[in-house]
Amino acid sequence: MSVDTTLCVKCQKCVKNCPVKNIYFEEEIKFKDNCISCQRCLHLCPVNAFKYKGKHFEQYSI
């Protein structure tokens, strides 16, 4: 998991909603080593700044 810093608007929705507190903010988004792959960060990012396995993840609505 990584974040495209050129897209990130620093809203910190990912930080606030990570169930294991794996994501934190220090001038940019940083990650610890306890991710459980819930992918909440991917789904909550308003600008699709997250990358998973090197590819951008695009949200969709039903």
PDB file of N, CA and C in Angstrom:
ATOM      1  N   MET A   1       0.849  -1.159   0.000  1.00  0.00           N
ATOM      2  CA  MET A   1       0.000   0.000   0.000  1.00  0.00           C
ATOM      3  C   MET A   1       0.904   1.234   0.000  1.00  0.00           C
ATOM      4  N   SER A   2       0.548   2.186  -0.826  1.00  0.00           N
ATOM      5  CA  SER A   2       1.279   3.443  -0.847  1.00  0.00           C
ATOM      6  C   SER A   2       0.322   4.563  -1.229  1.00  0.00           C
ATOM      7  N   VAL A   3       0.797   5.796  -1.095  1.00  0.00           N
ATOM      8  CA  VAL A   3      -0.025   6.965  -1.396  1.00  0.00           C
ATOM      9  C   VAL A   3       0.697   7.826  -2.415  1.00  0.00           C
ATOM     10  N   ASP A   4      -0.022   8.251  -3.428  1.00  0.00           N
ATOM     11  CA  ASP A   4       0.501   9.189  -4.407  1.00  0.00           C
ATOM     12  C   ASP A   4       0.415  10.582  -3.777  1.00  0.00           C
ATOM     13  N   THR A   5       1.537  11.106  -3.336  1.00  0.00           N
ATOM     14  CA  THR A   5       1.550  12.372  -2.609  1.00  0.00           C
ATOM     15  C   THR A   5       1.136  13.560  -3.474  1.00  0.00           C
ATOM     16  N   THR A   6       1.185  13.406  -4.786  1.00  0.00           N
ATOM     17  CA  THR A   6       0.739  14.502  -5.655  1.00  0.00           C
ATOM     18  C   THR A   6      -0.788  14.582  -5.689  1.00  0.00           C
ATOM     19  N   LEU A   7      -1.466  13.494  -5.352  1.00  0.00           N
ATOM     20  CA  LEU A   7      -2.928  13.479  -5.330  1.00  0.00           C
ATOM     21  C   LEU A   7      -3.512  13.698  -3.940  1.00  0.00           C
ATOM     22  N   CYS A   8      -2.785  13.299  -2.924  1.00  0.00           N
ATOM     23  CA  CYS A   8      -3.280  13.365  -1.539  1.00  0.00           C
ATOM     24  C   CYS A   8      -3.603  14.808  -1.144  1.00  0.00           C
ATOM     25  N   VAL A   9      -4.806  15.012  -0.592  1.00  0.00           N
ATOM     26  CA  VAL A   9      -5.229  16.339  -0.147  1.00  0.00           C
ATOM     27  C   VAL A   9      -5.123  16.488   1.375  1.00  0.00           C
ATOM     28  N   LYS A  10      -4.517  15.508   2.032  1.00  0.00           N
ATOM     29  CA  LYS A  10      -4.251  15.516   3.472  1.00  0.00           C
ATOM     30  C   LYS A  10      -5.513  15.653   4.318  1.00  0.00           C
ATOM     31  N   CYS A  11      -6.594  15.028   3.867  1.00  0.00           N
ATOM     32  CA  CYS A  11      -7.849  15.074   4.618  1.00  0.00           C
ATOM     33  C   CYS A  11      -7.793  14.184   5.863  1.00  0.00           C
ATOM     34  N   GLN A  12      -6.909  13.208   5.862  1.00  0.00           N
ATOM     35  CA  GLN A  12      -6.673  12.278   6.961  1.00  0.00           C
ATOM     36  C   GLN A  12      -7.847  11.354   7.269  1.00  0.00           C
ATOM     37  N   LYS A  13      -8.740  11.153   6.309  1.00  0.00           N
ATOM     38  CA  LYS A  13      -9.826  10.181   6.503  1.00  0.00           C
ATOM     39  C   LYS A  13      -9.257   8.789   6.709  1.00  0.00           C
ATOM     40  N   CYS A  14      -8.189   8.474   6.011  1.00  0.00           N
ATOM     41  CA  CYS A  14      -7.553   7.166   6.156  1.00  0.00           C
ATOM     42  C   CYS A  14      -6.994   6.984   7.566  1.00  0.00           C
ATOM     43  N   VAL A  15      -6.385   8.024   8.107  1.00  0.00           N
ATOM     44  CA  VAL A  15      -5.808   7.977   9.454  1.00  0.00           C
ATOM     45  C   VAL A  15      -6.906   7.747  10.485  1.00  0.00           C
ATOM     46  N   LYS A  16      -7.995   8.493  10.371  1.00  0.00           N
ATOM     47  CA  LYS A  16      -9.088   8.423  11.344  1.00  0.00           C
ATOM     48  C   LYS A  16      -9.848   7.109  11.289  1.00  0.00           C
ATOM     49  N   ASN A  17      -9.860   6.446  10.137  1.00  0.00           N
ATOM     50  CA  ASN A  17     -10.680   5.248   9.976  1.00  0.00           C
ATOM     51  C   ASN A  17      -9.911   3.932   9.943  1.00  0.00           C
ATOM     52  N   CYS A  18      -8.613   3.969  10.111  1.00  0.00           N
ATOM     53  CA  CYS A  18      -7.834   2.735  10.123  1.00  0.00           C
ATOM     54  C   CYS A  18      -8.091   2.000  11.446  1.00  0.00           C
ATOM     55  N   PRO A  19      -8.627   0.772  11.386  1.00  0.00           N
ATOM     56  CA  PRO A  19      -8.987   0.065  12.621  1.00  0.00           C
ATOM     57  C   PRO A  19      -7.790  -0.364  13.475  1.00  0.00           C
ATOM     58  N   VAL A  20      -6.613  -0.461  12.884  1.00  0.00           N
ATOM     59  CA  VAL A  20      -5.435  -0.883  13.652  1.00  0.00           C
ATOM     60  C   VAL A  20      -4.409   0.238  13.803  1.00  0.00           C
ATOM     61  N   LYS A  21      -4.812   1.455  13.463  1.00  0.00           N
ATOM     62  CA  LYS A  21      -3.939   2.645  13.589  1.00  0.00           C
ATOM     63  C   LYS A  21      -2.612   2.453  12.849  1.00  0.00           C
ATOM     64  N   ASN A  22      -2.683   1.848  11.669  1.00  0.00           N
ATOM     65  CA  ASN A  22      -1.491   1.595  10.866  1.00  0.00           C
ATOM     66  C   ASN A  22      -1.033   2.840  10.106  1.00  0.00           C
ATOM     67  N   ILE A  23      -1.931   3.797   9.917  1.00  0.00           N
ATOM     68  CA  ILE A  23      -1.627   4.980   9.117  1.00  0.00           C
ATOM     69  C   ILE A  23      -1.515   6.187  10.046  1.00  0.00           C
ATOM     70  N   TYR A  24      -0.497   7.001   9.836  1.00  0.00           N
ATOM     71  CA  TYR A  24      -0.344   8.226  10.617  1.00  0.00           C
ATOM     72  C   TYR A  24       0.142   9.339   9.705  1.00  0.00           C
ATOM     73  N   PHE A  25       0.098  10.547  10.205  1.00  0.00           N
ATOM     74  CA  PHE A  25       0.402  11.716   9.395  1.00  0.00           C
ATOM     75  C   PHE A  25       1.552  12.505  10.006  1.00  0.00           C
ATOM     76  N   GLU A  26       2.627  12.691   9.224  1.00  0.00           N
ATOM     77  CA  GLU A  26       3.778  13.520   9.589  1.00  0.00           C
ATOM     78  C   GLU A  26       4.185  14.294   8.337  1.00  0.00           C
ATOM     79  N   GLU A  27       3.514  15.375   8.052  1.00  0.00           N
ATOM     80  CA  GLU A  27       3.695  16.166   6.841  1.00  0.00           C
ATOM     81  C   GLU A  27       3.219  15.426   5.590  1.00  0.00           C
ATOM     82  N   GLU A  28       3.162  14.125   5.637  1.00  0.00           N
ATOM     83  CA  GLU A  28       2.553  13.289   4.604  1.00  0.00           C
ATOM     84  C   GLU A  28       2.133  11.977   5.256  1.00  0.00           C
ATOM     85  N   ILE A  29       1.352  11.198   4.540  1.00  0.00           N
ATOM     86  CA  ILE A  29       0.842   9.931   5.078  1.00  0.00           C
ATOM     87  C   ILE A  29       1.981   8.922   5.200  1.00  0.00           C
ATOM     88  N   LYS A  30       2.046   8.266   6.353  1.00  0.00           N
ATOM     89  CA  LYS A  30       3.054   7.237   6.622  1.00  0.00           C
ATOM     90  C   LYS A  30       2.349   5.972   7.102  1.00  0.00           C
ATOM     91  N   PHE A  31       3.036   4.844   6.970  1.00  0.00           N
ATOM     92  CA  PHE A  31       2.475   3.558   7.363  1.00  0.00           C
ATOM     93  C   PHE A  31       3.373   2.855   8.365  1.00  0.00           C
ATOM     94  N   LYS A  32       2.754   2.138   9.293  1.00  0.00           N
ATOM     95  CA  LYS A  32       3.472   1.254  10.200  1.00  0.00           C
ATOM     96  C   LYS A  32       3.458  -0.137   9.570  1.00  0.00           C
ATOM     97  N   ASP A  33       3.742  -1.167  10.344  1.00  0.00           N
ATOM     98  CA  ASP A  33       3.821  -2.532   9.809  1.00  0.00           C
ATOM     99  C   ASP A  33       2.706  -3.454  10.282  1.00  0.00           C
ATOM    100  N   ASN A  34       1.557  -2.906  10.678  1.00  0.00           N
ATOM    101  CA  ASN A  34       0.508  -3.782  11.192  1.00  0.00           C
ATOM    102  C   ASN A  34      -0.794  -3.718  10.382  1.00  0.00           C
ATOM    103  N   CYS A  35      -0.682  -3.497   9.085  1.00  0.00           N
ATOM    104  CA  CYS A  35      -1.850  -3.448   8.203  1.00  0.00           C
ATOM    105  C   CYS A  35      -2.526  -4.819   8.150  1.00  0.00           C
ATOM    106  N   ILE A  36      -3.866  -4.813   8.214  1.00  0.00           N
ATOM    107  CA  ILE A  36      -4.623  -6.060   8.125  1.00  0.00           C
ATOM    108  C   ILE A  36      -5.350  -6.174   6.774  1.00  0.00           C
ATOM    109  N   SER A  37      -5.011  -5.318   5.852  1.00  0.00           N
ATOM    110  CA  SER A  37      -5.573  -5.321   4.493  1.00  0.00           C
ATOM    111  C   SER A  37      -7.095  -5.193   4.452  1.00  0.00           C
ATOM    112  N   CYS A  38      -7.651  -4.365   5.318  1.00  0.00           N
ATOM    113  CA  CYS A  38      -9.096  -4.152   5.305  1.00  0.00           C
ATOM    114  C   CYS A  38      -9.507  -3.261   4.134  1.00  0.00           C
ATOM    115  N   GLN A  39      -8.587  -2.480   3.625  1.00  0.00           N
ATOM    116  CA  GLN A  39      -8.753  -1.594   2.475  1.00  0.00           C
ATOM    117  C   GLN A  39      -9.723  -0.439   2.702  1.00  0.00           C
ATOM    118  N   ARG A  40      -9.968  -0.105   3.953  1.00  0.00           N
ATOM    119  CA  ARG A  40     -10.817   1.056   4.237  1.00  0.00           C
ATOM    120  C   ARG A  40     -10.203   2.322   3.672  1.00  0.00           C
ATOM    121  N   CYS A  41      -8.897   2.438   3.769  1.00  0.00           N
ATOM    122  CA  CYS A  41      -8.210   3.624   3.262  1.00  0.00           C
ATOM    123  C   CYS A  41      -8.468   3.800   1.765  1.00  0.00           C
ATOM    124  N   LEU A  42      -8.444   2.711   1.021  1.00  0.00           N
ATOM    125  CA  LEU A  42      -8.712   2.767  -0.415  1.00  0.00           C
ATOM    126  C   LEU A  42     -10.120   3.265  -0.699  1.00  0.00           C
ATOM    127  N   HIS A  43     -11.072   2.760   0.055  1.00  0.00           N
ATOM    128  CA  HIS A  43     -12.467   3.086  -0.194  1.00  0.00           C
ATOM    129  C   HIS A  43     -12.865   4.473   0.312  1.00  0.00           C
ATOM    130  N   LEU A  44     -12.150   4.997   1.297  1.00  0.00           N
ATOM    131  CA  LEU A  44     -12.519   6.283   1.871  1.00  0.00           C
ATOM    132  C   LEU A  44     -11.800   7.471   1.242  1.00  0.00           C
ATOM    133  N   CYS A  45     -10.749   7.240   0.521  1.00  0.00           N
ATOM    134  CA  CYS A  45      -9.962   8.339  -0.038  1.00  0.00           C
ATOM    135  C   CYS A  45     -10.785   9.093  -1.101  1.00  0.00           C
ATOM    136  N   PRO A  46     -11.036  10.386  -0.880  1.00  0.00           N
ATOM    137  CA  PRO A  46     -11.876  11.137  -1.819  1.00  0.00           C
ATOM    138  C   PRO A  46     -11.214  11.428  -3.165  1.00  0.00           C
ATOM    139  N   VAL A  47      -9.895  11.277  -3.244  1.00  0.00           N
ATOM    140  CA  VAL A  47      -9.185  11.590  -4.494  1.00  0.00           C
ATOM    141  C   VAL A  47      -8.458  10.375  -5.079  1.00  0.00           C
ATOM    142  N   ASN A  48      -8.737   9.196  -4.559  1.00  0.00           N
ATOM    143  CA  ASN A  48      -8.116   7.952  -5.043  1.00  0.00           C
ATOM    144  C   ASN A  48      -6.592   8.026  -5.071  1.00  0.00           C
ATOM    145  N   ALA A  49      -6.007   8.521  -3.994  1.00  0.00           N
ATOM    146  CA  ALA A  49      -4.555   8.690  -3.927  1.00  0.00           C
ATOM    147  C   ALA A  49      -3.813   7.406  -3.575  1.00  0.00           C
ATOM    148  N   PHE A  50      -4.514   6.402  -3.096  1.00  0.00           N
ATOM    149  CA  PHE A  50      -3.851   5.165  -2.683  1.00  0.00           C
ATOM    150  C   PHE A  50      -3.506   4.285  -3.871  1.00  0.00           C
ATOM    151  N   LYS A  51      -2.381   3.598  -3.738  1.00  0.00           N
ATOM    152  CA  LYS A  51      -1.971   2.600  -4.720  1.00  0.00           C
ATOM    153  C   LYS A  51      -1.886   1.259  -3.995  1.00  0.00           C
ATOM    154  N   TYR A  52      -2.318   0.233  -4.675  1.00  0.00           N
ATOM    155  CA  TYR A  52      -2.230  -1.124  -4.149  1.00  0.00           C
ATOM    156  C   TYR A  52      -1.529  -1.966  -5.196  1.00  0.00           C
ATOM    157  N   LYS A  53      -0.441  -2.589  -4.824  1.00  0.00           N
ATOM    158  CA  LYS A  53       0.403  -3.360  -5.740  1.00  0.00           C
ATOM    159  C   LYS A  53       0.823  -2.511  -6.943  1.00  0.00           C
ATOM    160  N   GLY A  54       1.134  -1.242  -6.673  1.00  0.00           N
ATOM    161  CA  GLY A  54       1.651  -0.347  -7.701  1.00  0.00           C
ATOM    162  C   GLY A  54       0.618   0.254  -8.640  1.00  0.00           C
ATOM    163  N   LYS A  55      -0.658  -0.048  -8.416  1.00  0.00           N
ATOM    164  CA  LYS A  55      -1.709   0.473  -9.291  1.00  0.00           C
ATOM    165  C   LYS A  55      -2.690   1.312  -8.493  1.00  0.00           C
ATOM    166  N   HIS A  56      -3.196   2.362  -9.127  1.00  0.00           N
ATOM    167  CA  HIS A  56      -4.219   3.185  -8.480  1.00  0.00           C
ATOM    168  C   HIS A  56      -5.513   2.391  -8.364  1.00  0.00           C
ATOM    169  N   PHE A  57      -6.197   2.615  -7.285  1.00  0.00           N
ATOM    170  CA  PHE A  57      -7.471   1.977  -7.030  1.00  0.00           C
ATOM    171  C   PHE A  57      -8.552   3.012  -7.266  1.00  0.00           C
ATOM    172  N   GLU A  58      -9.510   2.713  -8.110  1.00  0.00           N
ATOM    173  CA  GLU A  58     -10.585   3.656  -8.375  1.00  0.00           C
ATOM    174  C   GLU A  58     -11.852   3.207  -7.661  1.00  0.00           C
ATOM    175  N   GLN A  59     -12.466   4.144  -6.972  1.00  0.00           N
ATOM    176  CA  GLN A  59     -13.704   3.851  -6.267  1.00  0.00           C
ATOM    177  C   GLN A  59     -14.828   3.682  -7.272  1.00  0.00           C
ATOM    178  N   TYR A  60     -15.816   2.940  -6.875  1.00  0.00           N
ATOM    179  CA  TYR A  60     -16.986   2.800  -7.721  1.00  0.00           C
ATOM    180  C   TYR A  60     -18.208   2.872  -6.827  1.00  0.00           C
ATOM    181  N   SER A  61     -19.326   3.195  -7.395  1.00  0.00           N
ATOM    182  CA  SER A  61     -20.564   3.228  -6.623  1.00  0.00           C
ATOM    183  C   SER A  61     -21.577   2.291  -7.266  1.00  0.00           C
ATOM    184  N   ILE A  62     -22.415   1.751  -6.438  1.00  0.00           N
ATOM    185  CA  ILE A  62     -23.418   0.803  -6.917  1.00  0.00           C
ATOM    186  C   ILE A  62     -24.738   1.519  -7.095  1.00  0.00           C
TER     187      ILE A  62
END
